[in-house]
Amino acid sequence: MHHIGRGPSRRSFLGLGLAAAGATTLSLAGCGTSGSPGSASVTPQGNVPLKMSAYGSNVRQQKLQRVFELYAKKHGGTVGLQLLSNEAYAQKLATEIAGGAAADVLALFQNIVAQYATKNALAPLDRYSAKVLDLSPLDKEASSGGVIGGKRVALPLGDNAYGVIWDRSALTGLGLSVPEPGQTWDQFISFANDVRKKSGGRLYGTMDDSTDFNGFEIFVRQRGKELYKDGKLGFSKADMQAWFEIWADLRKSGAAPPGDLTVQTSTGGFGNSLLVTGKVPNFFIYPNVLSSFQALTKNELAVSTMPMPSASNSGHFVRASNWVAVNARSSHPADAVALVDFMLNDEQAASVLQAEFAAPPNLELRRTITYGKSDRLFVDYVELVAKEFARPVPPLDEEFPSGSPQVMTAFVTTSQGIATGQQSIAAGTDGFFSQAEGYLS
């Protein structure tokens, strides 16, 4: 892991306060894509038409368009953008890649990078010199996941680290402070029960995170394992039962909300979350969405780590949830790579994008950007995790094997059934393992 020397210390981090965004479809003029990259030049031609497909909001659309304007001024040509909602993007991309009509540059969710890499849909990037694509400013560990089958096929658009968003104002009103990064599970459980008592039952002490597969992944890593190993489940039934028992005990004590309330509020967006509606003081999530939560509440928010056995056994890691790749059938692969390099390494581009895709992956530029309060706190959190807690993580093809989307769905269904009392922890775990093993076979 490339440590960031200027990152905040664990104790100073929580002194950084935080005071008190709809999808669209856009299609701009761009080139069609076809060709044979094997014989293509590794030197950009410049002044060619390119197109990028991406997902996200109106804000992302505006920022990408500005970046593409800057690129066109420097390199000539045009860059068209096709931007869809998160929900529509995956299916649209699959259709376009299958039909040979995908854009030159592709934004990718982390769980589909390996899928397209194994189908040879993504162009290898290591063939380009540092003059075309400079990888030296990127966090080596965070970007390593984009190496699939020995070939680098994707790069991070932004670095991220799992965590817990806390309502600092609500805790202050109870005479409590936001838990420091590195809080143990025992400390967390005691704290959650203390919140419940001090609020006179007005607040639950924590959300019920038992249904969150991302949180469970951190927990499994804390036990020295991974979600998957050699394409099969990498954890035991005992690991899964231990996770569910933590949250069952918190529900039983009243520190976590009843399961039916958790399930009811699991849809409807952040505005429907128990954090925003003032029922719990926290939310477990990748905190690049911190600014979205802050926009929904006047209370001051903060972010800290997930509970852990110890700082040396945190389970945490730093890696992108948003990736970028070049279409293997692009007519202008070298120019597409140059556009990727511009997005990652140009100072003006980085200043426009800021933390739109999470913490800027260029560590040098990350330090020069002036962020809003929400993004500043998030970026500082990522740097803190990188400096004090992060451990190596498997490449994307190992973390997301074939069948993993179905496994995640089965986990959510199982955990909701357990939380609402429809099945016991033992029965739910047995049923999950039977389903998961079938999906991964």
Protein backbone atom coordinates (compact mmCIF):
# COMPACT_ATOMS: atom_id res chain seq x y z
CA MET A 1 0.00 0.00 0.00
CA HIS A 2 1.29 3.41 -0.91
CA HIS A 3 0.94 5.39 2.30
CA ILE A 4 0.09 9.07 2.14
CA GLY A 5 2.38 10.99 4.41
CA ARG A 6 0.16 14.01 4.94
CA GLY A 7 -2.91 11.98 5.87
CA PRO A 8 -4.56 12.82 9.22
CA SER A 9 -3.80 10.78 12.30
CA ARG A 10 -6.51 8.72 13.93
CA ARG A 11 -7.03 11.17 16.78
CA SER A 12 -6.82 14.36 14.75
CA PHE A 13 -9.19 13.02 12.12
CA LEU A 14 -12.36 13.28 14.17
CA GLY A 15 -11.57 16.88 14.99
CA LEU A 16 -12.40 17.67 11.37
CA GLY A 17 -16.07 18.70 11.43
CA LEU A 18 -18.58 18.78 8.62
CA ALA A 19 -21.21 21.54 8.72
CA ALA A 20 -24.39 21.70 7.57
CA ALA A 21 -28.26 15.63 -6.33
CA GLY A 22 -31.39 12.53 -10.40
CA ALA A 23 -30.10 10.70 -13.26
CA THR A 24 -30.32 11.65 -16.89
CA THR A 25 -29.55 10.28 -20.30
CA LEU A 26 -27.32 12.28 -22.57
CA SER A 27 -25.98 11.42 -25.99
CA LEU A 28 -23.55 13.75 -27.69
CA ALA A 29 -21.90 13.43 -31.06
CA GLY A 30 -19.14 10.86 -31.07
CA CYS A 31 -17.58 8.20 -33.18
CA GLY A 32 -18.64 4.64 -33.67
CA THR A 33 -16.26 1.98 -32.43
CA SER A 34 -14.81 -0.96 -34.25
CA GLY A 35 -11.39 -2.09 -35.18
CA SER A 36 -8.49 -4.34 -34.29
CA PRO A 37 -6.36 -2.99 -31.44
CA GLY A 38 -3.73 -5.68 -31.82
CA SER A 39 -2.16 -3.86 -34.76
CA ALA A 40 -3.13 -0.36 -33.68
CA SER A 41 -0.53 2.28 -32.98
CA VAL A 42 0.44 2.92 -29.36
CA THR A 43 0.91 6.60 -30.17
CA PRO A 44 -2.14 8.88 -30.02
CA GLN A 45 -2.99 10.58 -33.32
CA GLY A 46 -4.79 13.55 -31.79
CA ASN A 47 -7.68 15.42 -33.38
CA VAL A 48 -9.93 12.33 -33.54
CA PRO A 49 -13.54 11.78 -32.43
CA LEU A 50 -13.97 9.78 -29.22
CA LYS A 51 -16.92 8.75 -27.10
CA MET A 52 -17.24 7.76 -23.46
CA SER A 53 -20.13 5.97 -21.77
CA ALA A 54 -20.72 6.53 -18.07
CA TYR A 55 -23.36 6.44 -15.34
CA GLY A 56 -24.44 8.96 -12.74
CA SER A 57 -26.24 12.24 -12.15
CA ASN A 58 -26.62 15.62 -13.80
CA VAL A 59 -23.69 16.88 -11.75
CA ARG A 60 -21.43 14.14 -13.13
CA GLN A 61 -22.64 14.92 -16.64
CA GLN A 62 -21.68 18.56 -16.28
CA LYS A 63 -18.27 17.78 -14.82
CA LEU A 64 -17.40 15.24 -17.51
CA GLN A 65 -18.48 17.60 -20.26
CA ARG A 66 -16.18 20.28 -18.85
CA VAL A 67 -13.27 17.81 -18.70
CA PHE A 68 -13.89 16.78 -22.31
CA GLU A 69 -13.89 20.43 -23.39
CA LEU A 70 -10.50 20.85 -21.75
CA TYR A 71 -9.20 17.69 -23.43
CA ALA A 72 -10.43 18.82 -26.86
CA LYS A 73 -8.65 22.16 -26.48
CA LYS A 74 -5.39 20.35 -25.80
CA HIS A 75 -5.66 17.41 -28.22
CA GLY A 76 -8.23 18.51 -30.78
CA GLY A 77 -11.10 16.37 -31.96
CA THR A 78 -14.30 15.82 -30.03
CA VAL A 79 -15.38 13.72 -27.06
CA GLY A 80 -19.01 12.64 -26.91
CA LEU A 81 -20.68 11.48 -23.71
CA GLN A 82 -23.45 8.94 -23.23
CA LEU A 83 -24.53 9.10 -19.60
CA LEU A 84 -27.24 6.91 -18.06
CA SER A 85 -28.65 6.28 -14.62
CA ASN A 86 -26.86 3.65 -12.56
CA GLU A 87 -29.82 1.28 -12.95
CA ALA A 88 -29.94 1.49 -16.76
CA TYR A 89 -26.23 1.53 -17.44
CA ALA A 90 -25.20 -2.10 -16.92
CA GLN A 91 -27.82 -3.49 -19.33
CA LYS A 92 -27.15 -0.83 -21.95
CA LEU A 93 -23.41 -1.45 -21.78
CA ALA A 94 -23.86 -5.20 -22.14
CA THR A 95 -25.99 -4.69 -25.24
CA GLU A 96 -23.52 -2.27 -26.82
CA ILE A 97 -20.47 -4.43 -26.15
CA ALA A 98 -22.22 -7.52 -27.52
CA GLY A 99 -23.20 -5.58 -30.64
CA GLY A 100 -19.77 -4.04 -31.17
CA ALA A 101 -21.13 -0.54 -30.69
CA ALA A 102 -19.68 0.40 -27.30
CA ALA A 103 -17.92 3.70 -26.69
CA ASP A 104 -14.13 4.09 -26.80
CA VAL A 105 -13.85 4.75 -23.07
CA LEU A 106 -16.02 2.87 -20.58
CA ALA A 107 -16.86 3.66 -16.98
CA LEU A 108 -17.33 0.39 -15.09
CA PHE A 109 -18.78 -0.69 -11.76
CA GLN A 110 -16.22 -2.73 -9.82
CA ASN A 111 -18.24 -5.95 -10.04
CA ILE A 112 -18.30 -6.04 -13.87
CA VAL A 113 -14.65 -5.29 -14.68
CA ALA A 114 -13.58 -8.93 -14.55
CA GLN A 115 -16.66 -10.03 -16.51
CA TYR A 116 -15.63 -7.95 -19.52
CA ALA A 117 -11.93 -8.58 -19.10
CA THR A 118 -12.42 -12.34 -19.37
CA LYS A 119 -14.41 -11.76 -22.58
CA ASN A 120 -11.48 -9.76 -24.03
CA ALA A 121 -13.73 -6.71 -24.29
CA LEU A 122 -11.21 -4.42 -22.55
CA ALA A 123 -7.97 -3.24 -24.14
CA PRO A 124 -4.71 -4.07 -22.31
CA LEU A 125 -3.12 -0.89 -20.99
CA ASP A 126 0.44 -1.95 -20.14
CA ARG A 127 1.52 -1.64 -23.78
CA TYR A 128 1.44 2.17 -23.53
CA SER A 129 4.42 4.21 -22.39
CA ALA A 130 4.31 6.61 -19.46
CA LYS A 131 4.14 9.47 -21.97
CA VAL A 132 0.71 8.19 -23.00
CA LEU A 133 -0.50 6.72 -19.69
CA ASP A 134 1.38 7.60 -16.51
CA LEU A 135 0.59 5.21 -13.65
CA SER A 136 3.29 6.45 -11.28
CA PRO A 137 1.10 8.94 -9.34
CA LEU A 138 -1.56 6.31 -8.58
CA ASP A 139 -1.84 4.32 -5.36
CA LYS A 140 -0.28 1.00 -6.36
CA GLU A 141 -2.36 -1.19 -4.07
CA ALA A 142 -5.63 0.56 -4.82
CA SER A 143 -5.12 0.28 -8.59
CA SER A 144 -3.85 -3.31 -8.56
CA GLY A 145 -7.36 -4.74 -8.76
CA GLY A 146 -7.55 -3.74 -12.41
CA VAL A 147 -4.93 -6.34 -13.33
CA ILE A 148 -6.92 -9.35 -14.56
CA GLY A 149 -5.19 -12.49 -15.77
CA GLY A 150 -1.84 -10.71 -15.66
CA LYS A 151 -3.05 -7.82 -17.84
CA ARG A 152 -3.93 -4.33 -16.67
CA VAL A 153 -7.32 -3.63 -18.24
CA ALA A 154 -8.89 -1.02 -15.94
CA LEU A 155 -7.87 1.91 -13.76
CA PRO A 156 -9.57 3.52 -10.76
CA LEU A 157 -11.59 6.68 -11.32
CA GLY A 158 -11.55 7.30 -7.58
CA ASP A 159 -10.30 5.54 -4.44
CA ASN A 160 -12.78 4.52 -1.77
CA ALA A 161 -12.84 2.86 1.65
CA TYR A 162 -15.79 1.42 3.55
CA GLY A 163 -16.84 3.21 6.73
CA VAL A 164 -19.58 4.51 8.99
CA ILE A 165 -21.26 7.91 8.62
CA TRP A 166 -22.18 9.32 12.04
CA ASP A 167 -24.57 12.08 13.09
CA ARG A 168 -22.23 14.18 15.19
CA SER A 169 -24.98 16.62 16.20
CA ALA A 170 -27.24 13.88 17.54
CA LEU A 171 -24.41 12.36 19.56
CA THR A 172 -23.32 15.74 20.93
CA GLY A 173 -26.86 16.31 22.13
CA LEU A 174 -26.49 13.16 24.24
CA GLY A 175 -23.11 14.18 25.61
CA LEU A 176 -21.32 11.66 23.38
CA SER A 177 -18.60 11.90 20.75
CA VAL A 178 -18.23 10.20 17.39
CA PRO A 179 -16.39 6.87 17.87
CA GLU A 180 -12.73 7.17 16.99
CA PRO A 181 -11.37 5.25 13.99
CA GLY A 182 -10.23 1.86 15.22
CA GLN A 183 -13.08 1.35 17.66
CA THR A 184 -13.40 -2.34 18.63
CA TRP A 185 -16.55 -4.40 18.32
CA ASP A 186 -16.96 -4.52 22.11
CA GLN A 187 -16.65 -0.73 22.29
CA PHE A 188 -19.14 -0.31 19.46
CA ILE A 189 -21.74 -2.59 21.05
CA SER A 190 -21.38 -0.80 24.39
CA PHE A 191 -21.62 2.57 22.65
CA ALA A 192 -24.77 1.61 20.73
CA ASN A 193 -26.50 0.51 23.92
CA ASP A 194 -25.37 3.71 25.64
CA VAL A 195 -26.92 5.83 22.87
CA ARG A 196 -30.22 4.01 23.31
CA LYS A 197 -30.22 4.58 27.06
CA LYS A 198 -29.07 8.20 27.01
CA SER A 199 -31.70 9.11 24.42
CA GLY A 200 -34.44 7.61 26.56
CA GLY A 201 -35.35 5.26 23.73
CA ARG A 202 -35.76 8.13 21.24
CA LEU A 203 -32.79 6.89 19.20
CA TYR A 204 -31.61 3.43 18.36
CA GLY A 205 -27.88 3.17 18.99
CA THR A 206 -27.01 1.94 15.51
CA MET A 207 -28.56 0.89 12.25
CA ASP A 208 -28.77 -2.87 11.64
CA ASP A 209 -26.01 -3.55 9.12
CA SER A 210 -26.58 -7.30 8.98
CA THR A 211 -28.05 -7.10 5.47
CA ASP A 212 -25.03 -5.28 3.98
CA PHE A 213 -22.76 -7.59 1.98
CA ASN A 214 -20.04 -4.90 1.89
CA GLY A 215 -19.97 -4.73 5.68
CA PHE A 216 -19.93 -8.51 5.88
CA GLU A 217 -16.91 -8.55 3.55
CA ILE A 218 -14.96 -6.37 5.99
CA PHE A 219 -16.02 -8.65 8.86
CA VAL A 220 -14.87 -11.76 6.99
CA ARG A 221 -11.51 -10.12 6.29
CA GLN A 222 -11.19 -9.34 9.99
CA ARG A 223 -11.31 -13.09 10.53
CA GLY A 224 -8.42 -13.64 8.12
CA LYS A 225 -10.52 -14.75 5.15
CA GLU A 226 -12.05 -13.42 1.93
CA LEU A 227 -15.56 -13.69 0.54
CA TYR A 228 -14.30 -15.99 -2.21
CA LYS A 229 -11.37 -18.31 -2.73
CA ASP A 230 -10.72 -20.09 -6.01
CA GLY A 231 -14.20 -19.18 -7.18
CA LYS A 232 -15.91 -20.69 -4.13
CA LEU A 233 -17.02 -19.23 -0.80
CA GLY A 234 -13.96 -18.31 1.23
CA PHE A 235 -15.65 -18.16 4.64
CA SER A 236 -17.36 -20.70 6.88
CA LYS A 237 -20.85 -21.06 8.28
CA ALA A 238 -19.39 -20.12 11.67
CA ASP A 239 -18.18 -16.81 10.23
CA MET A 240 -21.61 -16.01 8.87
CA GLN A 241 -23.38 -17.01 12.06
CA ALA A 242 -21.04 -14.84 14.13
CA TRP A 243 -21.97 -11.84 11.97
CA PHE A 244 -25.69 -12.41 12.33
CA GLU A 245 -25.38 -13.00 16.08
CA ILE A 246 -23.81 -9.57 16.63
CA TRP A 247 -26.78 -7.85 15.05
CA ALA A 248 -29.35 -10.18 16.62
CA ASP A 249 -27.98 -9.29 20.06
CA LEU A 250 -28.16 -5.57 19.23
CA ARG A 251 -31.78 -5.96 18.12
CA LYS A 252 -32.60 -7.92 21.25
CA SER A 253 -31.17 -5.20 23.53
CA GLY A 254 -33.01 -2.49 21.59
CA ALA A 255 -29.76 -0.89 20.44
CA ALA A 256 -30.60 -1.74 16.81
CA PRO A 257 -34.06 -1.32 15.25
CA PRO A 258 -36.39 -4.28 14.71
CA GLY A 259 -35.87 -6.16 11.47
CA ASP A 260 -39.11 -5.10 9.85
CA LEU A 261 -38.18 -1.43 10.23
CA THR A 262 -34.75 -2.08 8.73
CA VAL A 263 -36.29 -3.85 5.73
CA GLN A 264 -38.92 -1.13 5.23
CA THR A 265 -36.29 1.59 5.09
CA SER A 266 -33.81 -0.31 2.89
CA THR A 267 -35.36 1.16 -0.26
CA GLY A 268 -36.43 4.67 -1.23
CA GLY A 269 -33.01 6.32 -1.31
CA PHE A 270 -30.92 8.00 1.36
CA GLY A 271 -33.79 10.27 2.33
CA ASN A 272 -35.67 7.24 3.64
CA SER A 273 -32.73 6.06 5.75
CA LEU A 274 -33.06 5.96 9.52
CA LEU A 275 -30.05 8.29 9.75
CA VAL A 276 -31.73 11.07 7.78
CA THR A 277 -35.11 10.57 9.47
CA GLY A 278 -33.45 10.86 12.87
CA LYS A 279 -34.01 7.34 14.19
CA VAL A 280 -30.37 6.17 14.31
CA PRO A 281 -27.07 8.08 14.57
CA ASN A 282 -25.15 6.18 11.86
CA PHE A 283 -25.11 4.55 8.43
CA PHE A 284 -22.64 1.88 7.26
CA ILE A 285 -21.60 2.57 3.66
CA TYR A 286 -18.80 3.58 1.30
CA PRO A 287 -18.66 7.25 2.35
CA ASN A 288 -18.04 8.85 -1.03
CA VAL A 289 -21.80 9.53 -0.67
CA LEU A 290 -21.20 11.64 2.42
CA SER A 291 -22.10 14.87 0.62
CA SER A 292 -25.40 13.34 -0.55
CA PHE A 293 -26.31 12.48 3.04
CA GLN A 294 -25.22 15.90 4.29
CA ALA A 295 -27.49 17.60 1.76
CA LEU A 296 -30.46 15.83 3.37
CA THR A 297 -29.88 16.91 6.97
CA LYS A 298 -28.99 20.06 8.88
CA ASN A 299 -27.11 17.99 11.44
CA GLU A 300 -23.33 17.83 11.28
CA LEU A 301 -22.08 14.51 9.94
CA ALA A 302 -18.76 12.73 10.43
CA VAL A 303 -17.22 9.47 9.23
CA SER A 304 -15.25 6.77 11.02
CA THR A 305 -14.18 3.17 10.50
CA MET A 306 -16.24 0.05 10.87
CA PRO A 307 -15.73 -1.68 14.26
CA MET A 308 -12.77 -4.07 14.25
CA PRO A 309 -10.89 -6.51 16.48
CA SER A 310 -7.78 -4.30 16.32
CA ALA A 311 -6.12 -1.72 14.06
CA SER A 312 -3.78 -4.40 12.73
CA ASN A 313 -6.74 -6.63 11.91
CA SER A 314 -9.18 -4.05 10.57
CA GLY A 315 -10.41 -5.82 7.45
CA HIS A 316 -10.36 -2.45 5.69
CA PHE A 317 -8.89 -1.75 2.28
CA VAL A 318 -8.68 1.12 -0.20
CA ARG A 319 -9.84 0.53 -3.73
CA ALA A 320 -12.10 2.05 -6.33
CA SER A 321 -15.76 1.22 -6.72
CA ASN A 322 -15.70 3.16 -10.03
CA TRP A 323 -13.29 2.09 -12.78
CA VAL A 324 -12.43 3.18 -16.32
CA ALA A 325 -11.35 1.03 -19.26
CA VAL A 326 -10.79 1.27 -23.00
CA ASN A 327 -12.97 -0.68 -25.41
CA ALA A 328 -10.87 -3.37 -27.08
CA ARG A 329 -12.67 -2.62 -30.36
CA SER A 330 -12.07 1.12 -30.31
CA SER A 331 -11.00 2.59 -33.64
CA HIS A 332 -8.63 4.91 -31.76
CA PRO A 333 -7.31 2.96 -28.75
CA ALA A 334 -4.21 5.08 -28.17
CA ASP A 335 -6.26 8.27 -28.16
CA ALA A 336 -8.79 6.64 -25.84
CA VAL A 337 -5.93 5.80 -23.48
CA ALA A 338 -4.72 9.39 -23.71
CA LEU A 339 -8.20 10.55 -22.67
CA VAL A 340 -8.06 8.24 -19.64
CA ASP A 341 -4.63 9.62 -18.74
CA PHE A 342 -6.01 13.15 -19.02
CA MET A 343 -8.90 12.37 -16.69
CA LEU A 344 -6.56 10.89 -14.08
CA ASN A 345 -3.45 13.04 -14.37
CA ASP A 346 -4.32 16.49 -15.71
CA GLU A 347 -4.43 19.13 -12.99
CA GLN A 348 -7.36 21.03 -14.53
CA ALA A 349 -9.35 17.83 -15.07
CA ALA A 350 -8.75 16.71 -11.50
CA SER A 351 -9.88 20.10 -10.22
CA VAL A 352 -13.13 19.77 -12.15
CA LEU A 353 -13.87 16.17 -11.16
CA GLN A 354 -12.69 16.55 -7.55
CA ALA A 355 -14.29 13.65 -5.61
CA GLU A 356 -17.04 12.95 -8.16
CA PHE A 357 -15.87 9.34 -8.57
CA ALA A 358 -14.44 9.20 -4.98
CA ALA A 359 -10.98 10.32 -3.84
CA PRO A 360 -8.86 11.32 -6.88
CA PRO A 361 -6.56 8.37 -7.64
CA ASN A 362 -3.62 10.64 -8.52
CA LEU A 363 -2.07 11.07 -5.08
CA GLU A 364 -0.14 14.19 -6.05
CA LEU A 365 -3.14 16.02 -7.49
CA ARG A 366 -5.36 14.84 -4.64
CA ARG A 367 -3.41 17.13 -2.32
CA THR A 368 -3.75 20.23 -4.50
CA ILE A 369 -7.54 20.27 -4.94
CA THR A 370 -9.78 22.60 -2.96
CA TYR A 371 -12.76 20.48 -1.87
CA GLY A 372 -16.09 21.30 -0.34
CA LYS A 373 -16.45 20.36 3.33
CA SER A 374 -18.12 17.00 2.68
CA ASP A 375 -15.61 15.86 0.09
CA ARG A 376 -12.67 17.11 2.17
CA LEU A 377 -13.77 14.97 5.08
CA PHE A 378 -14.29 11.97 2.82
CA VAL A 379 -10.88 12.30 1.15
CA ASP A 380 -9.20 12.67 4.53
CA TYR A 381 -10.95 9.50 5.65
CA VAL A 382 -9.65 7.54 2.65
CA GLU A 383 -6.14 8.77 3.39
CA LEU A 384 -6.49 7.81 7.05
CA VAL A 385 -7.56 4.28 6.14
CA ALA A 386 -4.69 4.00 3.65
CA LYS A 387 -2.21 5.18 6.27
CA GLU A 388 -3.35 3.27 9.35
CA PHE A 389 -5.76 0.47 8.52
CA ALA A 390 -5.66 -0.77 4.92
CA ARG A 391 -4.57 -4.29 4.05
CA PRO A 392 -4.03 -5.88 0.60
CA VAL A 393 -7.14 -6.92 -1.29
CA PRO A 394 -7.63 -9.54 -4.03
CA PRO A 395 -7.86 -8.48 -7.69
CA LEU A 396 -11.35 -7.88 -9.03
CA ASP A 397 -11.65 -11.26 -10.75
CA GLU A 398 -11.07 -13.03 -7.43
CA GLU A 399 -13.36 -10.71 -5.47
CA PHE A 400 -16.19 -10.94 -8.01
CA PRO A 401 -16.18 -14.44 -9.53
CA SER A 402 -18.91 -15.67 -11.85
CA GLY A 403 -22.09 -16.09 -9.84
CA SER A 404 -21.18 -13.46 -7.23
CA PRO A 405 -24.13 -11.13 -8.04
CA GLN A 406 -26.54 -13.99 -7.28
CA VAL A 407 -24.63 -14.77 -4.09
CA MET A 408 -25.01 -11.18 -2.92
CA THR A 409 -28.74 -11.25 -3.63
CA ALA A 410 -29.08 -14.50 -1.68
CA PHE A 411 -27.19 -12.95 1.23
CA VAL A 412 -29.54 -9.95 1.39
CA THR A 413 -32.63 -12.17 1.21
CA THR A 414 -31.26 -14.48 3.90
CA SER A 415 -30.24 -11.67 6.23
CA GLN A 416 -33.62 -9.96 5.91
CA GLY A 417 -35.35 -13.22 6.71
CA ILE A 418 -33.22 -13.64 9.83
CA ALA A 419 -33.67 -10.02 10.93
CA THR A 420 -37.48 -10.26 10.66
CA GLY A 421 -37.63 -13.59 12.47
CA GLN A 422 -38.80 -15.61 9.48
CA GLN A 423 -35.91 -18.05 9.93
CA SER A 424 -33.26 -18.82 12.49
CA ILE A 425 -29.61 -17.90 12.07
CA ALA A 426 -28.66 -21.57 11.69
CA ALA A 427 -31.38 -22.35 9.14
CA GLY A 428 -30.73 -19.16 7.21
CA THR A 429 -27.01 -19.84 7.06
CA ASP A 430 -27.53 -23.42 5.87
CA GLY A 431 -29.94 -22.24 3.18
CA PHE A 432 -27.58 -19.52 2.02
CA PHE A 433 -24.64 -21.91 1.66
CA SER A 434 -26.76 -24.32 -0.40
CA GLN A 435 -27.82 -21.51 -2.74
CA ALA A 436 -24.39 -19.89 -2.97
CA GLU A 437 -22.59 -23.12 -3.74
CA GLY A 438 -25.03 -23.68 -6.59
CA TYR A 439 -24.47 -20.20 -8.02
CA LEU A 440 -20.69 -20.61 -7.86
CA SER A 441 -20.53 -24.14 -9.29
